[in-house]
Amino acid sequence: MSTIDDSQSAFHRGTAPLFALLSAEQTRQLAELQGDPALADRLAELAEKATEGELSETDRAEYEAYIEANNLLTVLQAEARFRLTQGG
């Protein structure tokens, strides 16, 4: 097995307890979850401020928190899609 295969296997195993709590329907809903348009507008506003170097400390903290949440959601959605394609 390659390092990538080992890493993917470990990730799937590590997320198994979370996905064991979800039904197939909940997993599908997670995979298909769409973002809030108002939040997308706020992210665009913060991104523009960041590009222009105009973020306050409060804005920066908010922007970074949104990015972290988005990264987490993206990974969970990818895992949900993988599990749905695997029949689990």
PDB file of N, CA and C in Angstrom:
ATOM      1  N   MET A   1       0.839  -1.183   0.000  1.00  0.00           N
ATOM      2  CA  MET A   1       0.000   0.000   0.000  1.00  0.00           C
ATOM      3  C   MET A   1       0.887   1.251   0.000  1.00  0.00           C
ATOM      4  N   SER A   2       0.466   2.283  -0.730  1.00  0.00           N
ATOM      5  CA  SER A   2       1.246   3.509  -0.780  1.00  0.00           C
ATOM      6  C   SER A   2       0.919   4.409   0.411  1.00  0.00           C
ATOM      7  N   THR A   3       1.746   5.411   0.588  1.00  0.00           N
ATOM      8  CA  THR A   3       1.514   6.380   1.666  1.00  0.00           C
ATOM      9  C   THR A   3       0.170   7.071   1.489  1.00  0.00           C
ATOM     10  N   ILE A   4      -0.189   7.389   0.236  1.00  0.00           N
ATOM     11  CA  ILE A   4      -1.474   8.033  -0.035  1.00  0.00           C
ATOM     12  C   ILE A   4      -2.620   7.098   0.343  1.00  0.00           C
ATOM     13  N   ASP A   5      -2.520   5.835  -0.046  1.00  0.00           N
ATOM     14  CA  ASP A   5      -3.564   4.866   0.313  1.00  0.00           C
ATOM     15  C   ASP A   5      -3.687   4.737   1.825  1.00  0.00           C
ATOM     16  N   ASP A   6      -2.541   4.683   2.513  1.00  0.00           N
ATOM     17  CA  ASP A   6      -2.547   4.587   3.975  1.00  0.00           C
ATOM     18  C   ASP A   6      -3.223   5.811   4.590  1.00  0.00           C
ATOM     19  N   SER A   7      -2.904   6.975   4.063  1.00  0.00           N
ATOM     20  CA  SER A   7      -3.471   8.221   4.566  1.00  0.00           C
ATOM     21  C   SER A   7      -4.978   8.254   4.347  1.00  0.00           C
ATOM     22  N   GLN A   8      -5.414   7.879   3.156  1.00  0.00           N
ATOM     23  CA  GLN A   8      -6.853   7.875   2.870  1.00  0.00           C
ATOM     24  C   GLN A   8      -7.576   6.870   3.751  1.00  0.00           C
ATOM     25  N   SER A   9      -6.989   5.695   3.912  1.00  0.00           N
ATOM     26  CA  SER A   9      -7.588   4.670   4.762  1.00  0.00           C
ATOM     27  C   SER A   9      -7.698   5.168   6.201  1.00  0.00           C
ATOM     28  N   ALA A  10      -6.663   5.828   6.681  1.00  0.00           N
ATOM     29  CA  ALA A  10      -6.675   6.359   8.045  1.00  0.00           C
ATOM     30  C   ALA A  10      -7.743   7.440   8.184  1.00  0.00           C
ATOM     31  N   PHE A  11      -7.880   8.281   7.172  1.00  0.00           N
ATOM     32  CA  PHE A  11      -8.889   9.335   7.224  1.00  0.00           C
ATOM     33  C   PHE A  11     -10.287   8.720   7.266  1.00  0.00           C
ATOM     34  N   HIS A  12     -10.555   7.756   6.393  1.00  0.00           N
ATOM     35  CA  HIS A  12     -11.868   7.104   6.382  1.00  0.00           C
ATOM     36  C   HIS A  12     -12.145   6.430   7.723  1.00  0.00           C
ATOM     37  N   ARG A  13     -11.137   5.793   8.261  1.00  0.00           N
ATOM     38  CA  ARG A  13     -11.300   5.127   9.566  1.00  0.00           C
ATOM     39  C   ARG A  13     -11.532   6.161  10.671  1.00  0.00           C
ATOM     40  N   GLY A  14     -10.804   7.265  10.611  1.00  0.00           N
ATOM     41  CA  GLY A  14     -10.943   8.302  11.622  1.00  0.00           C
ATOM     42  C   GLY A  14     -12.295   8.995  11.593  1.00  0.00           C
ATOM     43  N   THR A  15     -12.908   9.088  10.415  1.00  0.00           N
ATOM     44  CA  THR A  15     -14.214   9.738  10.320  1.00  0.00           C
ATOM     45  C   THR A  15     -15.373   8.755  10.499  1.00  0.00           C
ATOM     46  N   ALA A  16     -15.069   7.475  10.556  1.00  0.00           N
ATOM     47  CA  ALA A  16     -16.119   6.453  10.677  1.00  0.00           C
ATOM     48  C   ALA A  16     -17.057   6.694  11.870  1.00  0.00           C
ATOM     49  N   PRO A  17     -16.547   7.038  13.062  1.00  0.00           N
ATOM     50  CA  PRO A  17     -17.477   7.249  14.182  1.00  0.00           C
ATOM     51  C   PRO A  17     -18.490   8.368  13.916  1.00  0.00           C
ATOM     52  N   LEU A  18     -18.063   9.418  13.245  1.00  0.00           N
ATOM     53  CA  LEU A  18     -18.981  10.505  12.915  1.00  0.00           C
ATOM     54  C   LEU A  18     -20.043  10.016  11.938  1.00  0.00           C
ATOM     55  N   PHE A  19     -19.620   9.345  10.886  1.00  0.00           N
ATOM     56  CA  PHE A  19     -20.575   8.900   9.876  1.00  0.00           C
ATOM     57  C   PHE A  19     -21.446   7.756  10.372  1.00  0.00           C
ATOM     58  N   ALA A  20     -21.014   7.050  11.405  1.00  0.00           N
ATOM     59  CA  ALA A  20     -21.850   6.009  12.000  1.00  0.00           C
ATOM     60  C   ALA A  20     -23.079   6.618  12.683  1.00  0.00           C
ATOM     61  N   LEU A  21     -22.990   7.884  13.043  1.00  0.00           N
ATOM     62  CA  LEU A  21     -24.112   8.579  13.670  1.00  0.00           C
ATOM     63  C   LEU A  21     -25.157   9.031  12.650  1.00  0.00           C
ATOM     64  N   LEU A  22     -24.774   9.061  11.387  1.00  0.00           N
ATOM     65  CA  LEU A  22     -25.647   9.585  10.340  1.00  0.00           C
ATOM     66  C   LEU A  22     -26.303   8.458   9.559  1.00  0.00           C
ATOM     67  N   SER A  23     -27.567   8.662   9.228  1.00  0.00           N
ATOM     68  CA  SER A  23     -28.245   7.729   8.337  1.00  0.00           C
ATOM     69  C   SER A  23     -27.750   7.987   6.911  1.00  0.00           C
ATOM     70  N   ALA A  24     -28.092   7.094   6.006  1.00  0.00           N
ATOM     71  CA  ALA A  24     -27.736   7.303   4.597  1.00  0.00           C
ATOM     72  C   ALA A  24     -28.351   8.600   4.081  1.00  0.00           C
ATOM     73  N   GLU A  25     -29.572   8.891   4.509  1.00  0.00           N
ATOM     74  CA  GLU A  25     -30.236  10.120   4.078  1.00  0.00           C
ATOM     75  C   GLU A  25     -29.519  11.358   4.628  1.00  0.00           C
ATOM     76  N   GLN A  26     -29.099  11.314   5.865  1.00  0.00           N
ATOM     77  CA  GLN A  26     -28.363  12.448   6.442  1.00  0.00           C
ATOM     78  C   GLN A  26     -27.023  12.628   5.750  1.00  0.00           C
ATOM     79  N   THR A  27     -26.373  11.529   5.417  1.00  0.00           N
ATOM     80  CA  THR A  27     -25.102  11.597   4.696  1.00  0.00           C
ATOM     81  C   THR A  27     -25.319  12.228   3.325  1.00  0.00           C
ATOM     82  N   ARG A  28     -26.408  11.847   2.639  1.00  0.00           N
ATOM     83  CA  ARG A  28     -26.736  12.437   1.345  1.00  0.00           C
ATOM     84  C   ARG A  28     -26.997  13.935   1.494  1.00  0.00           C
ATOM     85  N   GLN A  29     -27.744  14.314   2.534  1.00  0.00           N
ATOM     86  CA  GLN A  29     -28.027  15.730   2.765  1.00  0.00           C
ATOM     87  C   GLN A  29     -26.746  16.521   3.015  1.00  0.00           C
ATOM     88  N   LEU A  30     -25.830  15.954   3.767  1.00  0.00           N
ATOM     89  CA  LEU A  30     -24.544  16.598   4.004  1.00  0.00           C
ATOM     90  C   LEU A  30     -23.785  16.771   2.690  1.00  0.00           C
ATOM     91  N   ALA A  31     -23.775  15.735   1.875  1.00  0.00           N
ATOM     92  CA  ALA A  31     -23.067  15.790   0.600  1.00  0.00           C
ATOM     93  C   ALA A  31     -23.628  16.869  -0.317  1.00  0.00           C
ATOM     94  N   GLU A  32     -24.929  17.112  -0.219  1.00  0.00           N
ATOM     95  CA  GLU A  32     -25.600  18.060  -1.107  1.00  0.00           C
ATOM     96  C   GLU A  32     -25.819  19.437  -0.486  1.00  0.00           C
ATOM     97  N   LEU A  33     -25.374  19.628   0.721  1.00  0.00           N
ATOM     98  CA  LEU A  33     -25.594  20.886   1.432  1.00  0.00           C
ATOM     99  C   LEU A  33     -25.045  22.066   0.629  1.00  0.00           C
ATOM    100  N   GLN A  34     -25.879  23.080   0.496  1.00  0.00           N
ATOM    101  CA  GLN A  34     -25.493  24.293  -0.221  1.00  0.00           C
ATOM    102  C   GLN A  34     -25.269  25.428   0.769  1.00  0.00           C
ATOM    103  N   GLY A  35     -24.387  26.318   0.416  1.00  0.00           N
ATOM    104  CA  GLY A  35     -24.083  27.451   1.282  1.00  0.00           C
ATOM    105  C   GLY A  35     -25.197  28.479   1.312  1.00  0.00           C
ATOM    106  N   ASP A  36     -25.175  29.293   2.328  1.00  0.00           N
ATOM    107  CA  ASP A  36     -26.135  30.377   2.519  1.00  0.00           C
ATOM    108  C   ASP A  36     -25.715  31.549   1.628  1.00  0.00           C
ATOM    109  N   PRO A  37     -26.607  32.022   0.736  1.00  0.00           N
ATOM    110  CA  PRO A  37     -26.253  33.137  -0.152  1.00  0.00           C
ATOM    111  C   PRO A  37     -25.823  34.396   0.601  1.00  0.00           C
ATOM    112  N   ALA A  38     -26.452  34.686   1.726  1.00  0.00           N
ATOM    113  CA  ALA A  38     -26.068  35.876   2.504  1.00  0.00           C
ATOM    114  C   ALA A  38     -24.647  35.714   3.036  1.00  0.00           C
ATOM    115  N   LEU A  39     -24.293  34.508   3.439  1.00  0.00           N
ATOM    116  CA  LEU A  39     -22.937  34.250   3.913  1.00  0.00           C
ATOM    117  C   LEU A  39     -21.942  34.382   2.761  1.00  0.00           C
ATOM    118  N   ALA A  40     -22.325  33.899   1.602  1.00  0.00           N
ATOM    119  CA  ALA A  40     -21.445  34.024   0.433  1.00  0.00           C
ATOM    120  C   ALA A  40     -21.173  35.490   0.124  1.00  0.00           C
ATOM    121  N   ASP A  41     -22.196  36.328   0.266  1.00  0.00           N
ATOM    122  CA  ASP A  41     -22.018  37.766   0.043  1.00  0.00           C
ATOM    123  C   ASP A  41     -21.044  38.352   1.064  1.00  0.00           C
ATOM    124  N   ARG A  42     -21.185  37.936   2.319  1.00  0.00           N
ATOM    125  CA  ARG A  42     -20.292  38.437   3.374  1.00  0.00           C
ATOM    126  C   ARG A  42     -18.858  37.986   3.122  1.00  0.00           C
ATOM    127  N   LEU A  43     -18.700  36.732   2.697  1.00  0.00           N
ATOM    128  CA  LEU A  43     -17.354  36.232   2.382  1.00  0.00           C
ATOM    129  C   LEU A  43     -16.732  37.018   1.230  1.00  0.00           C
ATOM    130  N   ALA A  44     -17.522  37.340   0.227  1.00  0.00           N
ATOM    131  CA  ALA A  44     -17.018  38.119  -0.903  1.00  0.00           C
ATOM    132  C   ALA A  44     -16.578  39.505  -0.438  1.00  0.00           C
ATOM    133  N   GLU A  45     -17.358  40.090   0.456  1.00  0.00           N
ATOM    134  CA  GLU A  45     -17.017  41.403   1.016  1.00  0.00           C
ATOM    135  C   GLU A  45     -15.697  41.331   1.788  1.00  0.00           C
ATOM    136  N   LEU A  46     -15.564  40.317   2.632  1.00  0.00           N
ATOM    137  CA  LEU A  46     -14.328  40.166   3.407  1.00  0.00           C
ATOM    138  C   LEU A  46     -13.140  39.845   2.503  1.00  0.00           C
ATOM    139  N   ALA A  47     -13.357  39.042   1.480  1.00  0.00           N
ATOM    140  CA  ALA A  47     -12.280  38.717   0.542  1.00  0.00           C
ATOM    141  C   ALA A  47     -11.790  39.967  -0.175  1.00  0.00           C
ATOM    142  N   GLU A  48     -12.717  40.816  -0.559  1.00  0.00           N
ATOM    143  CA  GLU A  48     -12.333  42.061  -1.234  1.00  0.00           C
ATOM    144  C   GLU A  48     -11.527  42.950  -0.289  1.00  0.00           C
ATOM    145  N   LYS A  49     -11.986  43.059   0.952  1.00  0.00           N
ATOM    146  CA  LYS A  49     -11.241  43.849   1.939  1.00  0.00           C
ATOM    147  C   LYS A  49      -9.842  43.266   2.147  1.00  0.00           C
ATOM    148  N   ALA A  50      -9.756  41.940   2.201  1.00  0.00           N
ATOM    149  CA  ALA A  50      -8.458  41.284   2.400  1.00  0.00           C
ATOM    150  C   ALA A  50      -7.529  41.586   1.231  1.00  0.00           C
ATOM    151  N   THR A  51      -8.054  41.506   0.022  1.00  0.00           N
ATOM    152  CA  THR A  51      -7.260  41.780  -1.174  1.00  0.00           C
ATOM    153  C   THR A  51      -6.741  43.216  -1.165  1.00  0.00           C
ATOM    154  N   GLU A  52      -7.560  44.114  -0.668  1.00  0.00           N
ATOM    155  CA  GLU A  52      -7.194  45.530  -0.628  1.00  0.00           C
ATOM    156  C   GLU A  52      -6.428  45.906   0.635  1.00  0.00           C
ATOM    157  N   GLY A  53      -6.189  44.926   1.518  1.00  0.00           N
ATOM    158  CA  GLY A  53      -5.460  45.192   2.752  1.00  0.00           C
ATOM    159  C   GLY A  53      -6.230  46.036   3.741  1.00  0.00           C
ATOM    160  N   GLU A  54      -7.545  45.923   3.718  1.00  0.00           N
ATOM    161  CA  GLU A  54      -8.394  46.772   4.549  1.00  0.00           C
ATOM    162  C   GLU A  54      -9.161  46.019   5.637  1.00  0.00           C
ATOM    163  N   LEU A  55      -8.721  44.816   5.977  1.00  0.00           N
ATOM    164  CA  LEU A  55      -9.400  44.063   7.026  1.00  0.00           C
ATOM    165  C   LEU A  55      -9.004  44.578   8.408  1.00  0.00           C
ATOM    166  N   SER A  56     -10.005  44.824   9.230  1.00  0.00           N
ATOM    167  CA  SER A  56      -9.723  45.123  10.640  1.00  0.00           C
ATOM    168  C   SER A  56      -9.382  43.800  11.316  1.00  0.00           C
ATOM    169  N   GLU A  57      -8.917  43.853  12.543  1.00  0.00           N
ATOM    170  CA  GLU A  57      -8.629  42.624  13.286  1.00  0.00           C
ATOM    171  C   GLU A  57      -9.903  41.789  13.456  1.00  0.00           C
ATOM    172  N   THR A  58     -11.009  42.461  13.712  1.00  0.00           N
ATOM    173  CA  THR A  58     -12.290  41.769  13.873  1.00  0.00           C
ATOM    174  C   THR A  58     -12.699  41.094  12.570  1.00  0.00           C
ATOM    175  N   ASP A  59     -12.571  41.836  11.466  1.00  0.00           N
ATOM    176  CA  ASP A  59     -12.885  41.269  10.148  1.00  0.00           C
ATOM    177  C   ASP A  59     -11.989  40.079   9.832  1.00  0.00           C
ATOM    178  N   ARG A  60     -10.697  40.207  10.138  1.00  0.00           N
ATOM    179  CA  ARG A  60      -9.754  39.126   9.857  1.00  0.00           C
ATOM    180  C   ARG A  60     -10.121  37.862  10.637  1.00  0.00           C
ATOM    181  N   ALA A  61     -10.465  38.031  11.903  1.00  0.00           N
ATOM    182  CA  ALA A  61     -10.855  36.880  12.726  1.00  0.00           C
ATOM    183  C   ALA A  61     -12.116  36.229  12.166  1.00  0.00           C
ATOM    184  N   GLU A  62     -13.068  37.044  11.769  1.00  0.00           N
ATOM    185  CA  GLU A  62     -14.313  36.526  11.189  1.00  0.00           C
ATOM    186  C   GLU A  62     -14.020  35.782   9.880  1.00  0.00           C
ATOM    187  N   TYR A  63     -13.225  36.385   9.025  1.00  0.00           N
ATOM    188  CA  TYR A  63     -12.877  35.794   7.727  1.00  0.00           C
ATOM    189  C   TYR A  63     -12.150  34.463   7.913  1.00  0.00           C
ATOM    190  N   GLU A  64     -11.188  34.431   8.818  1.00  0.00           N
ATOM    191  CA  GLU A  64     -10.448  33.192   9.067  1.00  0.00           C
ATOM    192  C   GLU A  64     -11.355  32.105   9.623  1.00  0.00           C
ATOM    193  N   ALA A  65     -12.307  32.488  10.477  1.00  0.00           N
ATOM    194  CA  ALA A  65     -13.247  31.504  11.026  1.00  0.00           C
ATOM    195  C   ALA A  65     -14.127  30.927   9.920  1.00  0.00           C
ATOM    196  N   TYR A  66     -14.585  31.781   9.013  1.00  0.00           N
ATOM    197  CA  TYR A  66     -15.381  31.289   7.880  1.00  0.00           C
ATOM    198  C   TYR A  66     -14.560  30.343   7.009  1.00  0.00           C
ATOM    199  N   ILE A  67     -13.312  30.687   6.786  1.00  0.00           N
ATOM    200  CA  ILE A  67     -12.448  29.831   5.968  1.00  0.00           C
ATOM    201  C   ILE A  67     -12.251  28.478   6.644  1.00  0.00           C
ATOM    202  N   GLU A  68     -12.002  28.468   7.930  1.00  0.00           N
ATOM    203  CA  GLU A  68     -11.844  27.206   8.663  1.00  0.00           C
ATOM    204  C   GLU A  68     -13.113  26.373   8.600  1.00  0.00           C
ATOM    205  N   ALA A  69     -14.264  27.012   8.813  1.00  0.00           N
ATOM    206  CA  ALA A  69     -15.535  26.289   8.752  1.00  0.00           C
ATOM    207  C   ALA A  69     -15.767  25.736   7.350  1.00  0.00           C
ATOM    208  N   ASN A  70     -15.453  26.523   6.340  1.00  0.00           N
ATOM    209  CA  ASN A  70     -15.622  26.076   4.960  1.00  0.00           C
ATOM    210  C   ASN A  70     -14.709  24.900   4.653  1.00  0.00           C
ATOM    211  N   ASN A  71     -13.481  24.955   5.125  1.00  0.00           N
ATOM    212  CA  ASN A  71     -12.553  23.835   4.905  1.00  0.00           C
ATOM    213  C   ASN A  71     -13.077  22.556   5.548  1.00  0.00           C
ATOM    214  N   LEU A  72     -13.569  22.664   6.776  1.00  0.00           N
ATOM    215  CA  LEU A  72     -14.123  21.506   7.465  1.00  0.00           C
ATOM    216  C   LEU A  72     -15.318  20.949   6.703  1.00  0.00           C
ATOM    217  N   LEU A  73     -16.237  21.826   6.313  1.00  0.00           N
ATOM    218  CA  LEU A  73     -17.424  21.386   5.590  1.00  0.00           C
ATOM    219  C   LEU A  73     -17.044  20.728   4.263  1.00  0.00           C
ATOM    220  N   THR A  74     -16.077  21.286   3.566  1.00  0.00           N
ATOM    221  CA  THR A  74     -15.635  20.723   2.296  1.00  0.00           C
ATOM    222  C   THR A  74     -15.106  19.306   2.475  1.00  0.00           C
ATOM    223  N   VAL A  75     -14.305  19.097   3.503  1.00  0.00           N
ATOM    224  CA  VAL A  75     -13.748  17.765   3.766  1.00  0.00           C
ATOM    225  C   VAL A  75     -14.857  16.786   4.143  1.00  0.00           C
ATOM    226  N   LEU A  76     -15.784  17.220   5.002  1.00  0.00           N
ATOM    227  CA  LEU A  76     -16.879  16.336   5.402  1.00  0.00           C
ATOM    228  C   LEU A  76     -17.786  16.000   4.222  1.00  0.00           C
ATOM    229  N   GLN A  77     -18.019  16.970   3.361  1.00  0.00           N
ATOM    230  CA  GLN A  77     -18.836  16.694   2.180  1.00  0.00           C
ATOM    231  C   GLN A  77     -18.131  15.719   1.239  1.00  0.00           C
ATOM    232  N   ALA A  78     -16.847  15.881   1.061  1.00  0.00           N
ATOM    233  CA  ALA A  78     -16.102  14.947   0.214  1.00  0.00           C
ATOM    234  C   ALA A  78     -16.164  13.537   0.794  1.00  0.00           C
ATOM    235  N   GLU A  79     -16.028  13.427   2.094  1.00  0.00           N
ATOM    236  CA  GLU A  79     -16.109  12.117   2.743  1.00  0.00           C
ATOM    237  C   GLU A  79     -17.517  11.547   2.614  1.00  0.00           C
ATOM    238  N   ALA A  80     -18.538  12.385   2.758  1.00  0.00           N
ATOM    239  CA  ALA A  80     -19.917  11.923   2.600  1.00  0.00           C
ATOM    240  C   ALA A  80     -20.134  11.400   1.181  1.00  0.00           C
ATOM    241  N   ARG A  81     -19.653  12.120   0.195  1.00  0.00           N
ATOM    242  CA  ARG A  81     -19.790  11.670  -1.200  1.00  0.00           C
ATOM    243  C   ARG A  81     -19.060  10.348  -1.420  1.00  0.00           C
ATOM    244  N   PHE A  82     -17.875  10.228  -0.857  1.00  0.00           N
ATOM    245  CA  PHE A  82     -17.119   8.980  -0.985  1.00  0.00           C
ATOM    246  C   PHE A  82     -17.914   7.828  -0.383  1.00  0.00           C
ATOM    247  N   ARG A  83     -18.428   8.029   0.814  1.00  0.00           N
ATOM    248  CA  ARG A  83     -19.157   6.965   1.495  1.00  0.00           C
ATOM    249  C   ARG A  83     -20.431   6.591   0.735  1.00  0.00           C
ATOM    250  N   LEU A  84     -21.084   7.565   0.139  1.00  0.00           N
ATOM    251  CA  LEU A  84     -22.281   7.263  -0.650  1.00  0.00           C
ATOM    252  C   LEU A  84     -21.936   6.440  -1.891  1.00  0.00           C
ATOM    253  N   THR A  85     -20.804   6.730  -2.512  1.00  0.00           N
ATOM    254  CA  THR A  85     -20.410   5.959  -3.701  1.00  0.00           C
ATOM    255  C   THR A  85     -19.957   4.552  -3.323  1.00  0.00           C
ATOM    256  N   GLN A  86     -19.544   4.365  -2.070  1.00  0.00           N
ATOM    257  CA  GLN A  86     -19.106   3.062  -1.596  1.00  0.00           C
ATOM    258  C   GLN A  86     -20.250   2.233  -1.014  1.00  0.00           C
ATOM    259  N   GLY A  87     -21.436   2.824  -1.026  1.00  0.00           N
ATOM    260  CA  GLY A  87     -22.602   2.119  -0.491  1.00  0.00           C
ATOM    261  C   GLY A  87     -22.711   2.150   1.016  1.00  0.00           C
ATOM    262  N   GLY A  88     -21.970   3.034   1.659  1.00  0.00           N
ATOM    263  CA  GLY A  88     -22.023   3.091   3.116  1.00  0.00           C
ATOM    264  C   GLY A  88     -22.166   4.474   3.558  1.00  0.00           C
TER     265      GLY A  88
END
